[in-house]
Amino acid sequence: MPDYDLVVIGAGPAGLTAAQYGARAALKVLVIEQLSVGGQVLLIDVLENYPGNTGQKSGFDFIMDLHNQAENFGASFLFNKVSSIEKKADCFRIVMVDGSTLTAAALIIATGAKPRLLGIPGEKEFTGKGVSYCATCDGNFFKEKKIFVIGGGDAACDEARYLSRLSSKVVLVHRKENLRAQKVLTKRTLENPNIQVRFNTVIKEIKGALAAQKVGMVVLENLAGSQVYEEQADAVFISVGTVPLSELAAIDGVEKCVELDNDGYIITNSKMETNIPGVFAAGDVRAGAFRQVVTAAGDGAIAAFNAAKYIGE
C-alpha cells in the first residue's frame, strides 16, 4: 500500500484547493512545498477580482485561509524539495533532496511558475539592490524614488499601480504600442497621474554602483526612433511573464515523460490528466491561456476530483 492516496506538489492556490478537495473526498493527502505556502499569490497587494472577495483581502490573507481550510479537512504538509519521481508498479515513489522517500497512488503537480528574467546586463548584479520582481515585497524601500516597471500585462500594471501609491515617479516601460493587460487595468494605469507609460521602448541595461549596492541608471531604447538613451533610476521592477516550474515532468519508470508544450508548460486535458495515468497538473504550471487565482483554484478542484476517481478505479 502506498504511504498516501494523493500527493500534491506545490502549495499555491491550485495545490491548496486540490488538497482541500482531496481530503474532503476522504483521501489521505500530503502537500509537499519547498519553502512556504503561497506561491505568486503572496505578491498580490489586494485580491480584488476573486469571486466573493469584496473586501480588501491581501494575497497573503487569502492563501492562509486556503492553507487552514486544507489542514482542517485533514491534509498534511511536508516542507521539503522533491528531487525526482519514479513510477513503481501501481504507485509513484517520490524522492526528496535529503534522500527521504514516500509513495502515493496519484500525483498532482502544482508547482507553479517563477518570474521570467530579462537577461540584460546589470539585472543579475543588481537583483536585491534595486532590481526586484515583487513590488509588494520591496516597493516600500523606494518611497518617492524614481521607479521603472518593465512589462505590459496584468501583473506589470498591478505592480505599477501599487508602486504609484509609494512614489509619484513611476515609469512603466512596454516594448509594444499598446498594453496587453485587461481593459480595466489598462484604463486605471493610463489614467494614474503617478505613472508615466513609455510605449515602444525596451530596457537594454541596468547600471549603478556595485560598491554602494544600488541601481543608479537605466539604458533605454525607443524602438520607434531607434534612440538609445540613459535615464536616472532608483529601482527597476521586472514583470515580463513567468517560466513554468515543470522539471518534475521527467518521471522515471515510464516510457515517456509528462508531455510539455513548446514553452515548457504541462499539457493536460479538461480533467487535468496528463499523458501519464495517475499524474495530474493544475495551476500556472499547466498549459493554458488565462492564468488567474480563480482558474488555478478551479484546476485544483478538478484535478483532485479526477484523482479520486482514478484512485477509486
C-alpha atoms as a PDB file:
ATOM      1  CA  MET A   1       0.000   0.000   0.000  1.00  0.00           C
ATOM      2  CA  PRO A   2       1.307   3.495  -0.791  1.00  0.00           C
ATOM      3  CA  ASP A   3       2.018   5.916   2.049  1.00  0.00           C
ATOM      4  CA  TYR A   4      -0.579   8.373   0.711  1.00  0.00           C
ATOM      5  CA  ASP A   5      -3.536   8.236  -1.633  1.00  0.00           C
ATOM      6  CA  LEU A   6      -2.709  11.617  -3.137  1.00  0.00           C
ATOM      7  CA  VAL A   7       0.425  13.743  -3.053  1.00  0.00           C
ATOM      8  CA  VAL A   8       0.147  17.348  -4.184  1.00  0.00           C
ATOM      9  CA  ILE A   9       3.428  19.040  -5.081  1.00  0.00           C
ATOM     10  CA  GLY A  10       3.110  22.792  -4.622  1.00  0.00           C
ATOM     11  CA  ALA A  11       1.145  24.909  -2.142  1.00  0.00           C
ATOM     12  CA  GLY A  12      -0.215  27.793  -4.191  1.00  0.00           C
ATOM     13  CA  PRO A  13      -3.947  28.266  -4.875  1.00  0.00           C
ATOM     14  CA  ALA A  14      -4.074  25.210  -7.175  1.00  0.00           C
ATOM     15  CA  GLY A  15      -2.260  22.895  -4.792  1.00  0.00           C
ATOM     16  CA  LEU A  16      -4.119  24.012  -1.676  1.00  0.00           C
ATOM     17  CA  THR A  17      -7.510  23.740  -3.369  1.00  0.00           C
ATOM     18  CA  ALA A  18      -6.592  20.267  -4.629  1.00  0.00           C
ATOM     19  CA  ALA A  19      -5.558  19.283  -1.098  1.00  0.00           C
ATOM     20  CA  GLN A  20      -8.840  20.546   0.309  1.00  0.00           C
ATOM     21  CA  TYR A  21     -10.976  18.706  -2.245  1.00  0.00           C
ATOM     22  CA  GLY A  22      -8.886  15.560  -1.975  1.00  0.00           C
ATOM     23  CA  ALA A  23      -9.133  15.491   1.815  1.00  0.00           C
ATOM     24  CA  ARG A  24     -12.886  16.159   1.673  1.00  0.00           C
ATOM     25  CA  ALA A  25     -13.151  13.085  -0.574  1.00  0.00           C
ATOM     26  CA  ALA A  26     -11.692  11.031   2.301  1.00  0.00           C
ATOM     27  CA  LEU A  27      -8.286  10.630   0.635  1.00  0.00           C
ATOM     28  CA  LYS A  28      -5.078  10.576   2.627  1.00  0.00           C
ATOM     29  CA  VAL A  29      -3.470  13.731   1.220  1.00  0.00           C
ATOM     30  CA  LEU A  30       0.023  15.146   1.574  1.00  0.00           C
ATOM     31  CA  VAL A  31       1.097  18.539   0.241  1.00  0.00           C
ATOM     32  CA  ILE A  32       4.820  18.972  -0.411  1.00  0.00           C
ATOM     33  CA  GLU A  33       6.141  22.534  -0.630  1.00  0.00           C
ATOM     34  CA  GLN A  34       9.757  23.589  -0.918  1.00  0.00           C
ATOM     35  CA  LEU A  35       9.595  26.869   1.008  1.00  0.00           C
ATOM     36  CA  SER A  36       6.283  28.222   2.291  1.00  0.00           C
ATOM     37  CA  VAL A  37       2.673  28.174   1.167  1.00  0.00           C
ATOM     38  CA  GLY A  38       1.511  30.837  -1.233  1.00  0.00           C
ATOM     39  CA  GLY A  39       3.419  30.936  -4.469  1.00  0.00           C
ATOM     40  CA  GLN A  40       2.915  34.059  -6.584  1.00  0.00           C
ATOM     41  CA  VAL A  41      -0.297  34.951  -4.725  1.00  0.00           C
ATOM     42  CA  LEU A  42       1.930  36.373  -1.993  1.00  0.00           C
ATOM     43  CA  LEU A  43       2.835  39.159  -4.452  1.00  0.00           C
ATOM     44  CA  ILE A  44      -0.778  40.386  -4.629  1.00  0.00           C
ATOM     45  CA  ASP A  45      -1.471  43.508  -2.604  1.00  0.00           C
ATOM     46  CA  VAL A  46      -5.281  43.371  -2.780  1.00  0.00           C
ATOM     47  CA  LEU A  47      -7.069  40.376  -4.330  1.00  0.00           C
ATOM     48  CA  GLU A  48      -9.947  42.410  -5.705  1.00  0.00           C
ATOM     49  CA  ASN A  49     -11.137  40.179  -8.558  1.00  0.00           C
ATOM     50  CA  TYR A  50     -11.611  36.840  -6.793  1.00  0.00           C
ATOM     51  CA  PRO A  51     -15.339  35.965  -6.810  1.00  0.00           C
ATOM     52  CA  GLY A  52     -16.941  36.743  -3.471  1.00  0.00           C
ATOM     53  CA  ASN A  53     -13.925  38.617  -2.113  1.00  0.00           C
ATOM     54  CA  THR A  54     -15.495  42.074  -1.956  1.00  0.00           C
ATOM     55  CA  GLY A  55     -13.270  43.328   0.851  1.00  0.00           C
ATOM     56  CA  GLN A  56      -9.605  44.258   0.903  1.00  0.00           C
ATOM     57  CA  LYS A  57      -8.138  40.797   1.471  1.00  0.00           C
ATOM     58  CA  SER A  58      -4.477  40.520   0.526  1.00  0.00           C
ATOM     59  CA  GLY A  59      -2.907  37.605  -1.293  1.00  0.00           C
ATOM     60  CA  PHE A  60      -1.233  36.569   1.965  1.00  0.00           C
ATOM     61  CA  ASP A  61      -4.518  36.522   3.912  1.00  0.00           C
ATOM     62  CA  PHE A  62      -6.233  34.603   1.117  1.00  0.00           C
ATOM     63  CA  ILE A  63      -3.573  31.913   0.936  1.00  0.00           C
ATOM     64  CA  MET A  64      -3.509  31.500   4.722  1.00  0.00           C
ATOM     65  CA  ASP A  65      -7.253  30.864   4.641  1.00  0.00           C
ATOM     66  CA  LEU A  66      -6.759  28.223   1.930  1.00  0.00           C
ATOM     67  CA  HIS A  67      -3.959  26.614   3.932  1.00  0.00           C
ATOM     68  CA  ASN A  68      -6.075  26.483   7.091  1.00  0.00           C
ATOM     69  CA  GLN A  69      -9.031  25.020   5.180  1.00  0.00           C
ATOM     70  CA  ALA A  70      -6.902  22.246   3.716  1.00  0.00           C
ATOM     71  CA  GLU A  71      -5.479  21.397   7.145  1.00  0.00           C
ATOM     72  CA  ASN A  72      -8.923  21.453   8.748  1.00  0.00           C
ATOM     73  CA  PHE A  73     -10.169  18.940   6.183  1.00  0.00           C
ATOM     74  CA  GLY A  74      -7.276  16.637   7.056  1.00  0.00           C
ATOM     75  CA  ALA A  75      -4.492  17.342   4.566  1.00  0.00           C
ATOM     76  CA  SER A  76      -0.917  17.005   5.856  1.00  0.00           C
ATOM     77  CA  PHE A  77       2.012  19.220   4.886  1.00  0.00           C
ATOM     78  CA  LEU A  78       5.692  18.486   4.320  1.00  0.00           C
ATOM     79  CA  PHE A  79       8.191  21.298   3.707  1.00  0.00           C
ATOM     80  CA  ASN A  80      10.890  19.736   1.584  1.00  0.00           C
ATOM     81  CA  LYS A  81      12.068  19.724  -2.023  1.00  0.00           C
ATOM     82  CA  VAL A  82      11.267  16.909  -4.428  1.00  0.00           C
ATOM     83  CA  SER A  83      14.309  15.830  -6.430  1.00  0.00           C
ATOM     84  CA  SER A  84      12.718  13.103  -8.576  1.00  0.00           C
ATOM     85  CA  ILE A  85       9.638  10.959  -9.138  1.00  0.00           C
ATOM     86  CA  GLU A  86       9.599   7.278 -10.131  1.00  0.00           C
ATOM     87  CA  LYS A  87       6.739   5.067 -11.269  1.00  0.00           C
ATOM     88  CA  LYS A  88       6.778   1.836  -9.256  1.00  0.00           C
ATOM     89  CA  ALA A  89       4.128  -0.739 -10.191  1.00  0.00           C
ATOM     90  CA  ASP A  90       0.786   0.853  -9.248  1.00  0.00           C
ATOM     91  CA  CYS A  91       2.166   3.813  -7.312  1.00  0.00           C
ATOM     92  CA  PHE A  92       4.657   6.648  -7.504  1.00  0.00           C
ATOM     93  CA  ARG A  93       7.849   6.908  -5.459  1.00  0.00           C
ATOM     94  CA  ILE A  94       8.786  10.476  -4.570  1.00  0.00           C
ATOM     95  CA  VAL A  95      12.396  11.171  -3.654  1.00  0.00           C
ATOM     96  CA  MET A  96      13.391  14.270  -1.663  1.00  0.00           C
ATOM     97  CA  VAL A  97      16.672  16.154  -1.885  1.00  0.00           C
ATOM     98  CA  ASP A  98      17.602  14.845   1.583  1.00  0.00           C
ATOM     99  CA  GLY A  99      17.226  11.246   0.371  1.00  0.00           C
ATOM    100  CA  SER A 100      13.944  10.500   2.120  1.00  0.00           C
ATOM    101  CA  THR A 101      11.177   8.855   0.089  1.00  0.00           C
ATOM    102  CA  LEU A 102       7.430   8.303   0.164  1.00  0.00           C
ATOM    103  CA  THR A 103       4.867   6.717  -2.132  1.00  0.00           C
ATOM    104  CA  ALA A 104       1.488   7.799  -3.491  1.00  0.00           C
ATOM    105  CA  ALA A 105      -1.278   6.299  -5.600  1.00  0.00           C
ATOM    106  CA  ALA A 106      -1.712   9.547  -7.557  1.00  0.00           C
ATOM    107  CA  LEU A 107       0.089  12.868  -8.004  1.00  0.00           C
ATOM    108  CA  ILE A 108      -0.957  16.415  -8.702  1.00  0.00           C
ATOM    109  CA  ILE A 109       1.855  18.654  -9.929  1.00  0.00           C
ATOM    110  CA  ALA A 110       1.008  22.222  -8.918  1.00  0.00           C
ATOM    111  CA  THR A 111       4.494  23.696  -8.814  1.00  0.00           C
ATOM    112  CA  GLY A 112       3.516  26.971 -10.478  1.00  0.00           C
ATOM    113  CA  ALA A 113       5.905  29.277 -12.264  1.00  0.00           C
ATOM    114  CA  LYS A 114       8.688  31.750 -11.499  1.00  0.00           C
ATOM    115  CA  PRO A 115       9.306  35.264 -12.854  1.00  0.00           C
ATOM    116  CA  ARG A 116      10.885  35.425 -16.303  1.00  0.00           C
ATOM    117  CA  LEU A 117      14.252  37.170 -16.422  1.00  0.00           C
ATOM    118  CA  LEU A 118      15.131  39.819 -18.977  1.00  0.00           C
ATOM    119  CA  GLY A 119      18.697  38.595 -19.347  1.00  0.00           C
ATOM    120  CA  ILE A 120      20.147  42.091 -19.765  1.00  0.00           C
ATOM    121  CA  PRO A 121      23.443  43.425 -18.347  1.00  0.00           C
ATOM    122  CA  GLY A 122      23.074  44.521 -14.739  1.00  0.00           C
ATOM    123  CA  GLU A 123      19.926  42.530 -13.984  1.00  0.00           C
ATOM    124  CA  LYS A 124      21.663  39.755 -12.087  1.00  0.00           C
ATOM    125  CA  GLU A 125      24.257  42.034 -10.490  1.00  0.00           C
ATOM    126  CA  PHE A 126      21.653  44.413  -9.026  1.00  0.00           C
ATOM    127  CA  THR A 127      18.974  41.891  -8.031  1.00  0.00           C
ATOM    128  CA  GLY A 128      18.197  42.710  -4.414  1.00  0.00           C
ATOM    129  CA  LYS A 129      19.990  46.049  -4.808  1.00  0.00           C
ATOM    130  CA  GLY A 130      17.263  47.896  -6.677  1.00  0.00           C
ATOM    131  CA  VAL A 131      16.198  45.206  -9.141  1.00  0.00           C
ATOM    132  CA  SER A 132      13.151  43.271  -7.956  1.00  0.00           C
ATOM    133  CA  TYR A 133      10.346  41.035  -9.228  1.00  0.00           C
ATOM    134  CA  CYS A 134       7.893  41.823  -6.407  1.00  0.00           C
ATOM    135  CA  ALA A 135       6.504  45.294  -5.718  1.00  0.00           C
ATOM    136  CA  THR A 136       4.677  44.331  -2.527  1.00  0.00           C
ATOM    137  CA  CYS A 137       7.894  42.759  -1.207  1.00  0.00           C
ATOM    138  CA  ASP A 138      10.339  45.570  -1.990  1.00  0.00           C
ATOM    139  CA  GLY A 139       8.382  48.648  -3.007  1.00  0.00           C
ATOM    140  CA  ASN A 140       8.468  50.161   0.462  1.00  0.00           C
ATOM    141  CA  PHE A 141      12.241  50.676   0.137  1.00  0.00           C
ATOM    142  CA  PHE A 142      11.711  53.181  -2.680  1.00  0.00           C
ATOM    143  CA  LYS A 143       9.195  55.715  -1.392  1.00  0.00           C
ATOM    144  CA  GLU A 144       9.244  58.848  -3.569  1.00  0.00           C
ATOM    145  CA  LYS A 145      12.116  57.399  -5.611  1.00  0.00           C
ATOM    146  CA  LYS A 146      12.190  57.076  -9.397  1.00  0.00           C
ATOM    147  CA  ILE A 147      10.931  53.588 -10.194  1.00  0.00           C
ATOM    148  CA  PHE A 148      10.843  51.776 -13.531  1.00  0.00           C
ATOM    149  CA  VAL A 149       8.441  48.886 -14.118  1.00  0.00           C
ATOM    150  CA  ILE A 150       9.131  46.650 -17.110  1.00  0.00           C
ATOM    151  CA  GLY A 151       6.201  44.894 -18.781  1.00  0.00           C
ATOM    152  CA  GLY A 152       2.755  45.484 -20.222  1.00  0.00           C
ATOM    153  CA  GLY A 153       0.465  42.760 -18.914  1.00  0.00           C
ATOM    154  CA  ASP A 154      -1.868  42.468 -15.928  1.00  0.00           C
ATOM    155  CA  ALA A 155       0.929  41.842 -13.453  1.00  0.00           C
ATOM    156  CA  ALA A 156       3.017  44.780 -14.672  1.00  0.00           C
ATOM    157  CA  CYS A 157       0.053  47.157 -14.429  1.00  0.00           C
ATOM    158  CA  ASP A 158      -0.755  45.871 -10.935  1.00  0.00           C
ATOM    159  CA  GLU A 159       2.871  46.393  -9.899  1.00  0.00           C
ATOM    160  CA  ALA A 160       2.955  49.917 -11.337  1.00  0.00           C
ATOM    161  CA  ARG A 161      -0.311  50.870  -9.645  1.00  0.00           C
ATOM    162  CA  TYR A 162       0.864  49.542  -6.294  1.00  0.00           C
ATOM    163  CA  LEU A 163       4.151  51.437  -6.593  1.00  0.00           C
ATOM    164  CA  SER A 164       2.287  54.606  -7.587  1.00  0.00           C
ATOM    165  CA  ARG A 165       0.939  54.741  -4.045  1.00  0.00           C
ATOM    166  CA  LEU A 166       4.519  54.894  -2.770  1.00  0.00           C
ATOM    167  CA  SER A 167       6.006  57.214  -5.372  1.00  0.00           C
ATOM    168  CA  SER A 168       4.815  59.849  -7.835  1.00  0.00           C
ATOM    169  CA  LYS A 169       7.672  58.946 -10.192  1.00  0.00           C
ATOM    170  CA  VAL A 170       6.763  55.562 -11.659  1.00  0.00           C
ATOM    171  CA  VAL A 171       7.657  54.810 -15.293  1.00  0.00           C
ATOM    172  CA  LEU A 172       6.076  51.780 -16.994  1.00  0.00           C
ATOM    173  CA  VAL A 173       8.169  50.586 -19.944  1.00  0.00           C
ATOM    174  CA  HIS A 174       6.498  48.417 -22.592  1.00  0.00           C
ATOM    175  CA  ARG A 175       8.004  47.219 -25.867  1.00  0.00           C
ATOM    176  CA  LYS A 176       4.768  47.449 -27.865  1.00  0.00           C
ATOM    177  CA  GLU A 177       2.456  50.336 -28.709  1.00  0.00           C
ATOM    178  CA  ASN A 178      -0.429  49.079 -26.556  1.00  0.00           C
ATOM    179  CA  LEU A 179      -0.621  47.469 -23.123  1.00  0.00           C
ATOM    180  CA  ARG A 180      -1.787  43.858 -23.199  1.00  0.00           C
ATOM    181  CA  ALA A 181      -3.415  43.979 -19.755  1.00  0.00           C
ATOM    182  CA  GLN A 182      -7.170  43.653 -19.301  1.00  0.00           C
ATOM    183  CA  LYS A 183      -9.039  46.800 -20.321  1.00  0.00           C
ATOM    184  CA  VAL A 184      -9.955  47.840 -16.788  1.00  0.00           C
ATOM    185  CA  LEU A 185      -6.324  47.578 -15.633  1.00  0.00           C
ATOM    186  CA  THR A 186      -5.081  49.389 -18.733  1.00  0.00           C
ATOM    187  CA  LYS A 187      -7.522  52.253 -18.129  1.00  0.00           C
ATOM    188  CA  ARG A 188      -6.530  52.615 -14.479  1.00  0.00           C
ATOM    189  CA  THR A 189      -2.848  52.585 -15.378  1.00  0.00           C
ATOM    190  CA  LEU A 190      -3.084  55.155 -18.159  1.00  0.00           C
ATOM    191  CA  GLU A 191      -5.229  57.465 -16.031  1.00  0.00           C
ATOM    192  CA  ASN A 192      -2.950  57.280 -12.989  1.00  0.00           C
ATOM    193  CA  PRO A 193      -1.159  60.648 -12.597  1.00  0.00           C
ATOM    194  CA  ASN A 194       1.798  58.988 -10.854  1.00  0.00           C
ATOM    195  CA  ILE A 195       2.511  56.600 -13.743  1.00  0.00           C
ATOM    196  CA  GLN A 196       4.191  57.591 -16.996  1.00  0.00           C
ATOM    197  CA  VAL A 197       3.884  54.926 -19.703  1.00  0.00           C
ATOM    198  CA  ARG A 198       6.642  54.595 -22.306  1.00  0.00           C
ATOM    199  CA  PHE A 199       5.411  52.632 -25.306  1.00  0.00           C
ATOM    200  CA  ASN A 200       7.652  51.109 -27.995  1.00  0.00           C
ATOM    201  CA  THR A 201      10.513  51.122 -25.516  1.00  0.00           C
ATOM    202  CA  VAL A 202      12.829  48.423 -24.191  1.00  0.00           C
ATOM    203  CA  ILE A 203      15.372  48.390 -21.402  1.00  0.00           C
ATOM    204  CA  LYS A 204      18.873  47.500 -22.593  1.00  0.00           C
ATOM    205  CA  GLU A 205      20.955  47.674 -19.416  1.00  0.00           C
ATOM    206  CA  ILE A 206      20.797  48.456 -15.712  1.00  0.00           C
ATOM    207  CA  LYS A 207      23.690  50.478 -14.301  1.00  0.00           C
ATOM    208  CA  GLY A 208      24.712  51.563 -10.844  1.00  0.00           C
ATOM    209  CA  ALA A 209      27.352  51.399  -8.179  1.00  0.00           C
ATOM    210  CA  LEU A 210      28.016  47.850  -7.055  1.00  0.00           C
ATOM    211  CA  ALA A 211      30.103  49.125  -4.164  1.00  0.00           C
ATOM    212  CA  ALA A 212      27.122  51.157  -2.946  1.00  0.00           C
ATOM    213  CA  GLN A 213      24.819  48.235  -3.828  1.00  0.00           C
ATOM    214  CA  LYS A 214      22.207  50.309  -5.595  1.00  0.00           C
ATOM    215  CA  VAL A 215      20.785  50.997  -9.039  1.00  0.00           C
ATOM    216  CA  GLY A 216      21.569  54.414 -10.478  1.00  0.00           C
ATOM    217  CA  MET A 217      20.731  54.373 -14.176  1.00  0.00           C
ATOM    218  CA  VAL A 218      18.836  52.513 -16.889  1.00  0.00           C
ATOM    219  CA  VAL A 219      19.659  52.364 -20.595  1.00  0.00           C
ATOM    220  CA  LEU A 220      16.514  52.537 -22.716  1.00  0.00           C
ATOM    221  CA  GLU A 221      15.843  52.276 -26.433  1.00  0.00           C
ATOM    222  CA  ASN A 222      12.908  53.885 -28.206  1.00  0.00           C
ATOM    223  CA  LEU A 223      12.075  51.339 -30.900  1.00  0.00           C
ATOM    224  CA  ALA A 224      10.094  53.824 -32.961  1.00  0.00           C
ATOM    225  CA  GLY A 225      13.066  56.114 -33.474  1.00  0.00           C
ATOM    226  CA  SER A 226      15.926  53.739 -32.658  1.00  0.00           C
ATOM    227  CA  GLN A 227      17.048  56.200 -29.994  1.00  0.00           C
ATOM    228  CA  VAL A 228      19.196  54.841 -27.151  1.00  0.00           C
ATOM    229  CA  TYR A 229      19.447  56.972 -24.026  1.00  0.00           C
ATOM    230  CA  GLU A 230      20.263  56.775 -20.318  1.00  0.00           C
ATOM    231  CA  GLU A 231      17.994  57.886 -17.506  1.00  0.00           C
ATOM    232  CA  GLN A 232      18.386  58.143 -13.754  1.00  0.00           C
ATOM    233  CA  ALA A 233      16.674  55.347 -11.812  1.00  0.00           C
ATOM    234  CA  ASP A 234      16.489  54.164  -8.215  1.00  0.00           C
ATOM    235  CA  ALA A 235      14.731  50.841  -8.796  1.00  0.00           C
ATOM    236  CA  VAL A 236      13.661  48.501 -11.581  1.00  0.00           C
ATOM    237  CA  PHE A 237      10.733  46.124 -11.075  1.00  0.00           C
ATOM    238  CA  ILE A 238      10.584  43.434 -13.756  1.00  0.00           C
ATOM    239  CA  SER A 239       7.246  41.858 -14.697  1.00  0.00           C
ATOM    240  CA  VAL A 240       7.547  40.219 -18.120  1.00  0.00           C
ATOM    241  CA  GLY A 241       5.819  36.909 -17.582  1.00  0.00           C
ATOM    242  CA  THR A 242       6.683  33.610 -15.997  1.00  0.00           C
ATOM    243  CA  VAL A 243       8.592  30.396 -16.629  1.00  0.00           C
ATOM    244  CA  PRO A 244       6.864  27.120 -15.614  1.00  0.00           C
ATOM    245  CA  LEU A 245       8.466  25.056 -12.866  1.00  0.00           C
ATOM    246  CA  SER A 246       7.904  21.807 -14.730  1.00  0.00           C
ATOM    247  CA  GLU A 247      11.167  19.974 -14.009  1.00  0.00           C
ATOM    248  CA  LEU A 248       9.265  17.173 -12.263  1.00  0.00           C
ATOM    249  CA  ALA A 249       7.650  16.209 -15.563  1.00  0.00           C
ATOM    250  CA  ALA A 250      10.565  13.821 -16.052  1.00  0.00           C
ATOM    251  CA  ILE A 251       9.238  10.695 -14.326  1.00  0.00           C
ATOM    252  CA  ASP A 252      11.431   7.602 -14.196  1.00  0.00           C
ATOM    253  CA  GLY A 253       9.953   4.179 -14.907  1.00  0.00           C
ATOM    254  CA  VAL A 254       7.593   5.222 -17.704  1.00  0.00           C
ATOM    255  CA  GLU A 255       8.176   5.103 -21.452  1.00  0.00           C
ATOM    256  CA  LYS A 256       7.904   8.857 -21.896  1.00  0.00           C
ATOM    257  CA  CYS A 257       7.868  11.965 -19.750  1.00  0.00           C
ATOM    258  CA  VAL A 258       4.860  14.065 -18.911  1.00  0.00           C
ATOM    259  CA  GLU A 259       4.135  15.948 -22.119  1.00  0.00           C
ATOM    260  CA  LEU A 260       5.029  19.656 -22.259  1.00  0.00           C
ATOM    261  CA  ASP A 261       4.147  22.364 -24.762  1.00  0.00           C
ATOM    262  CA  ASN A 262       6.767  24.439 -26.592  1.00  0.00           C
ATOM    263  CA  ASP A 263       7.054  26.836 -23.645  1.00  0.00           C
ATOM    264  CA  GLY A 264       7.564  24.092 -21.069  1.00  0.00           C
ATOM    265  CA  TYR A 265       4.054  24.069 -19.581  1.00  0.00           C
ATOM    266  CA  ILE A 266       2.446  20.711 -18.740  1.00  0.00           C
ATOM    267  CA  ILE A 267      -0.240  19.628 -21.211  1.00  0.00           C
ATOM    268  CA  THR A 268      -3.471  18.259 -19.714  1.00  0.00           C
ATOM    269  CA  ASN A 269      -6.980  17.511 -20.858  1.00  0.00           C
ATOM    270  CA  SER A 270     -10.090  19.091 -19.312  1.00  0.00           C
ATOM    271  CA  LYS A 271      -9.853  16.615 -16.405  1.00  0.00           C
ATOM    272  CA  MET A 272      -6.331  17.907 -15.585  1.00  0.00           C
ATOM    273  CA  GLU A 273      -4.970  14.483 -16.619  1.00  0.00           C
ATOM    274  CA  THR A 274      -1.518  14.346 -18.169  1.00  0.00           C
ATOM    275  CA  ASN A 275      -0.422  11.689 -20.649  1.00  0.00           C
ATOM    276  CA  ILE A 276       0.816   9.587 -17.693  1.00  0.00           C
ATOM    277  CA  PRO A 277      -2.053   7.781 -15.874  1.00  0.00           C
ATOM    278  CA  GLY A 278      -2.243   8.895 -12.252  1.00  0.00           C
ATOM    279  CA  VAL A 279      -0.372  12.155 -12.845  1.00  0.00           C
ATOM    280  CA  PHE A 280      -2.410  15.356 -12.913  1.00  0.00           C
ATOM    281  CA  ALA A 281      -1.381  19.013 -13.205  1.00  0.00           C
ATOM    282  CA  ALA A 282      -3.045  22.216 -12.022  1.00  0.00           C
ATOM    283  CA  GLY A 283      -2.412  25.934 -11.876  1.00  0.00           C
ATOM    284  CA  ASP A 284       0.266  28.041 -13.539  1.00  0.00           C
ATOM    285  CA  VAL A 285       2.455  25.043 -14.403  1.00  0.00           C
ATOM    286  CA  ARG A 286      -0.314  23.783 -16.709  1.00  0.00           C
ATOM    287  CA  ALA A 287      -0.661  24.901 -20.318  1.00  0.00           C
ATOM    288  CA  GLY A 288      -3.465  27.431 -20.574  1.00  0.00           C
ATOM    289  CA  ALA A 289      -4.121  30.963 -21.776  1.00  0.00           C
ATOM    290  CA  PHE A 290      -5.608  32.624 -18.672  1.00  0.00           C
ATOM    291  CA  ARG A 291      -3.501  32.487 -15.501  1.00  0.00           C
ATOM    292  CA  GLN A 292      -5.520  33.812 -12.575  1.00  0.00           C
ATOM    293  CA  VAL A 293      -6.036  32.776  -8.947  1.00  0.00           C
ATOM    294  CA  VAL A 294      -9.601  31.706  -9.695  1.00  0.00           C
ATOM    295  CA  THR A 295      -8.570  29.465 -12.612  1.00  0.00           C
ATOM    296  CA  ALA A 296      -5.764  27.924 -10.534  1.00  0.00           C
ATOM    297  CA  ALA A 297      -8.238  27.068  -7.776  1.00  0.00           C
ATOM    298  CA  GLY A 298     -10.617  25.599 -10.358  1.00  0.00           C
ATOM    299  CA  ASP A 299      -7.805  23.491 -11.800  1.00  0.00           C
ATOM    300  CA  GLY A 300      -7.008  22.178  -8.325  1.00  0.00           C
ATOM    301  CA  ALA A 301     -10.595  21.173  -7.598  1.00  0.00           C
ATOM    302  CA  ILE A 302     -10.954  19.393 -10.948  1.00  0.00           C
ATOM    303  CA  ALA A 303      -7.611  17.619 -10.550  1.00  0.00           C
ATOM    304  CA  ALA A 304      -8.496  16.361  -7.060  1.00  0.00           C
ATOM    305  CA  PHE A 305     -11.925  15.162  -8.183  1.00  0.00           C
ATOM    306  CA  ASN A 306     -10.474  13.154 -11.056  1.00  0.00           C
ATOM    307  CA  ALA A 307      -7.540  11.904  -8.976  1.00  0.00           C
ATOM    308  CA  ALA A 308     -10.079  10.488  -6.506  1.00  0.00           C
ATOM    309  CA  LYS A 309     -11.891   8.763  -9.388  1.00  0.00           C
ATOM    310  CA  TYR A 310      -8.585   7.350 -10.664  1.00  0.00           C
ATOM    311  CA  ILE A 311      -7.681   6.001  -7.226  1.00  0.00           C
ATOM    312  CA  GLY A 312     -11.172   4.512  -6.782  1.00  0.00           C
ATOM    313  CA  GLU A 313     -10.961   2.705 -10.080  1.00  0.00           C
END
